[in-house]
């Protein structure tokens, strides 16, 4: 059914969420638009990684 174990996908999502929150609070706390753009960029990088290696 799945190419990888379900744990790989769960860890992948948890790591993405932790990175997004970490970058938000460390670097872009008071900059809404920069924060939004960086978050979109991080999600796109993780989506590309998913499509290349996990799909």
Foldseek 3Di string as FASTA:
>chain_A
DAPDDVVVVVVLVVVLVVVLVVCCVPPPVPPVVVSVVVNVVSVVVSVVVCVVPGD
